[in-house]
């Protein structure tokens, strides 16, 4: 009987704490790498995590989904999430003003 369990991926040399990676459609920084008999996991912090109030997330490493990020991808992702956060602040300020105006009426 053949063993049908997939073999554990070999950890790429670049996959270390501090590496900035592209994860599908966003960019983050590797904080930790954990290896078990069955999984290769990475803890990643990101601007997306800040925006969504999830400072870090554990993901299973899959080379088709996680790779080193380019400088262009890093800059674009930081700018995109900065714009999201600025819009959130604008929306909160508008709501604050609406509520304060209502209290004064």
C-alpha atoms as a PDB file:
ATOM      1  CA  UNK A   1       0.000   0.000   0.000  1.00  0.00           C
ATOM      2  CA  UNK A   2       1.409   3.386  -1.026  1.00  0.00           C
ATOM      3  CA  UNK A   3       1.586   6.279   1.386  1.00  0.00           C
ATOM      4  CA  UNK A   4      -0.761   8.902  -0.066  1.00  0.00           C
ATOM      5  CA  UNK A   5       0.072  11.576   2.527  1.00  0.00           C
ATOM      6  CA  UNK A   6       1.756  14.580   0.891  1.00  0.00           C
ATOM      7  CA  UNK A   7       5.313  15.177   2.025  1.00  0.00           C
ATOM      8  CA  UNK A   8       6.096  18.287   4.034  1.00  0.00           C
ATOM      9  CA  UNK A   9       7.422  21.119   1.938  1.00  0.00           C
ATOM     10  CA  UNK A  10      11.014  22.101   2.415  1.00  0.00           C
ATOM     11  CA  UNK A  11      11.327  25.526   3.988  1.00  0.00           C
ATOM     12  CA  UNK A  12      12.804  27.980   1.470  1.00  0.00           C
ATOM     13  CA  UNK A  13      15.946  29.790   2.670  1.00  0.00           C
ATOM     14  CA  UNK A  14      14.237  33.182   2.298  1.00  0.00           C
ATOM     15  CA  UNK A  15      11.333  32.205   4.622  1.00  0.00           C
ATOM     16  CA  UNK A  16      12.726  33.626   7.862  1.00  0.00           C
ATOM     17  CA  UNK A  17      11.539  36.138  10.459  1.00  0.00           C
ATOM     18  CA  UNK A  18      11.810  39.600   8.972  1.00  0.00           C
ATOM     19  CA  UNK A  19      11.139  38.536   5.374  1.00  0.00           C
ATOM     20  CA  UNK A  20       8.558  40.681   3.589  1.00  0.00           C
ATOM     21  CA  UNK A  21       6.239  38.461   1.601  1.00  0.00           C
ATOM     22  CA  UNK A  22       3.379  38.662  -0.859  1.00  0.00           C
ATOM     23  CA  UNK A  23       0.418  36.569   0.332  1.00  0.00           C
ATOM     24  CA  UNK A  24      -2.014  36.223  -2.563  1.00  0.00           C
ATOM     25  CA  UNK A  25      -3.291  39.830  -2.799  1.00  0.00           C
ATOM     26  CA  UNK A  26      -1.551  41.491   0.180  1.00  0.00           C
ATOM     27  CA  UNK A  27       1.914  42.021   1.676  1.00  0.00           C
ATOM     28  CA  UNK A  28       3.172  41.225   5.174  1.00  0.00           C
ATOM     29  CA  UNK A  29       6.220  40.480   7.264  1.00  0.00           C
ATOM     30  CA  UNK A  30       7.117  37.061   8.618  1.00  0.00           C
ATOM     31  CA  UNK A  31       7.339  37.169  12.422  1.00  0.00           C
ATOM     32  CA  UNK A  32       7.762  33.448  13.112  1.00  0.00           C
ATOM     33  CA  UNK A  33       8.136  30.163  11.259  1.00  0.00           C
ATOM     34  CA  UNK A  34       6.876  26.957  12.881  1.00  0.00           C
ATOM     35  CA  UNK A  35       7.543  23.511  11.496  1.00  0.00           C
ATOM     36  CA  UNK A  36       5.839  20.307  12.582  1.00  0.00           C
ATOM     37  CA  UNK A  37       5.665  16.820  11.092  1.00  0.00           C
ATOM     38  CA  UNK A  38       2.698  17.861   8.959  1.00  0.00           C
ATOM     39  CA  UNK A  39       2.729  21.635   8.588  1.00  0.00           C
ATOM     40  CA  UNK A  40       4.949  24.579   7.798  1.00  0.00           C
ATOM     41  CA  UNK A  41       3.282  27.620   9.352  1.00  0.00           C
ATOM     42  CA  UNK A  42       4.180  31.311   9.230  1.00  0.00           C
ATOM     43  CA  UNK A  43       3.036  34.105  11.517  1.00  0.00           C
ATOM     44  CA  UNK A  44       2.589  37.252   9.439  1.00  0.00           C
ATOM     45  CA  UNK A  45       1.926  40.867  10.409  1.00  0.00           C
ATOM     46  CA  UNK A  46       0.639  43.244   7.761  1.00  0.00           C
ATOM     47  CA  UNK A  47      -0.991  46.560   6.928  1.00  0.00           C
ATOM     48  CA  UNK A  48      -4.088  44.472   6.112  1.00  0.00           C
ATOM     49  CA  UNK A  49      -3.975  43.159   9.663  1.00  0.00           C
ATOM     50  CA  UNK A  50      -3.747  46.665  11.085  1.00  0.00           C
ATOM     51  CA  UNK A  51      -6.660  47.801   8.913  1.00  0.00           C
ATOM     52  CA  UNK A  52      -8.792  44.820   9.981  1.00  0.00           C
ATOM     53  CA  UNK A  53      -7.628  44.940  13.618  1.00  0.00           C
ATOM     54  CA  UNK A  54      -5.933  41.536  13.374  1.00  0.00           C
ATOM     55  CA  UNK A  55      -2.295  42.295  14.162  1.00  0.00           C
ATOM     56  CA  UNK A  56      -0.904  38.919  13.077  1.00  0.00           C
ATOM     57  CA  UNK A  57      -2.171  35.708  11.582  1.00  0.00           C
ATOM     58  CA  UNK A  58      -0.862  32.170  11.265  1.00  0.00           C
ATOM     59  CA  UNK A  59      -0.967  30.790   7.733  1.00  0.00           C
ATOM     60  CA  UNK A  60       0.094  27.468   6.326  1.00  0.00           C
ATOM     61  CA  UNK A  61       2.964  27.991   3.912  1.00  0.00           C
ATOM     62  CA  UNK A  62       2.066  27.194   0.327  1.00  0.00           C
ATOM     63  CA  UNK A  63       4.575  28.335  -2.286  1.00  0.00           C
ATOM     64  CA  UNK A  64       1.804  29.182  -4.727  1.00  0.00           C
ATOM     65  CA  UNK A  65       0.358  31.655  -2.182  1.00  0.00           C
ATOM     66  CA  UNK A  66       3.356  33.036  -0.264  1.00  0.00           C
ATOM     67  CA  UNK A  67       6.506  34.352  -1.923  1.00  0.00           C
ATOM     68  CA  UNK A  68       9.015  37.202  -1.453  1.00  0.00           C
ATOM     69  CA  UNK A  69       7.443  40.602  -2.177  1.00  0.00           C
ATOM     70  CA  UNK A  70       8.903  43.091  -4.638  1.00  0.00           C
ATOM     71  CA  UNK A  71       9.598  46.702  -3.656  1.00  0.00           C
ATOM     72  CA  UNK A  72       6.739  47.797  -5.940  1.00  0.00           C
ATOM     73  CA  UNK A  73       4.284  45.398  -4.263  1.00  0.00           C
ATOM     74  CA  UNK A  74       5.379  46.603  -0.818  1.00  0.00           C
ATOM     75  CA  UNK A  75       4.917  50.285  -1.720  1.00  0.00           C
ATOM     76  CA  UNK A  76       1.535  49.685  -3.383  1.00  0.00           C
ATOM     77  CA  UNK A  77       0.189  47.624  -0.470  1.00  0.00           C
ATOM     78  CA  UNK A  78       1.297  50.165   2.135  1.00  0.00           C
ATOM     79  CA  UNK A  79      -0.301  52.997   0.152  1.00  0.00           C
ATOM     80  CA  UNK A  80      -3.546  51.059  -0.409  1.00  0.00           C
ATOM     81  CA  UNK A  81      -3.976  50.251   3.288  1.00  0.00           C
ATOM     82  CA  UNK A  82      -2.973  53.772   4.318  1.00  0.00           C
ATOM     83  CA  UNK A  83      -5.806  55.056   2.092  1.00  0.00           C
ATOM     84  CA  UNK A  84      -8.251  52.551   3.622  1.00  0.00           C
ATOM     85  CA  UNK A  85      -7.314  53.682   7.127  1.00  0.00           C
ATOM     86  CA  UNK A  86      -7.524  57.379   6.211  1.00  0.00           C
ATOM     87  CA  UNK A  87     -11.019  56.783   4.776  1.00  0.00           C
ATOM     88  CA  UNK A  88     -12.037  55.021   7.981  1.00  0.00           C
ATOM     89  CA  UNK A  89     -10.834  58.022   9.994  1.00  0.00           C
ATOM     90  CA  UNK A  90     -12.762  60.389   7.704  1.00  0.00           C
ATOM     91  CA  UNK A  91     -15.888  58.256   8.135  1.00  0.00           C
ATOM     92  CA  UNK A  92     -15.524  58.205  11.941  1.00  0.00           C
ATOM     93  CA  UNK A  93     -14.989  61.976  12.013  1.00  0.00           C
ATOM     94  CA  UNK A  94     -18.109  62.504   9.886  1.00  0.00           C
ATOM     95  CA  UNK A  95     -20.142  60.246  12.179  1.00  0.00           C
ATOM     96  CA  UNK A  96     -18.784  62.054  15.231  1.00  0.00           C
ATOM     97  CA  UNK A  97     -19.812  65.399  13.775  1.00  0.00           C
ATOM     98  CA  UNK A  98     -23.274  64.091  12.850  1.00  0.00           C
ATOM     99  CA  UNK A  99     -23.809  62.806  16.382  1.00  0.00           C
ATOM    100  CA  UNK A 100     -22.511  65.972  18.022  1.00  0.00           C
ATOM    101  CA  UNK A 101     -24.714  68.118  15.768  1.00  0.00           C
ATOM    102  CA  UNK A 102     -27.710  66.003  16.757  1.00  0.00           C
ATOM    103  CA  UNK A 103     -26.932  66.467  20.470  1.00  0.00           C
ATOM    104  CA  UNK A 104     -26.839  70.251  20.032  1.00  0.00           C
ATOM    105  CA  UNK A 105     -30.197  70.390  18.196  1.00  0.00           C
END
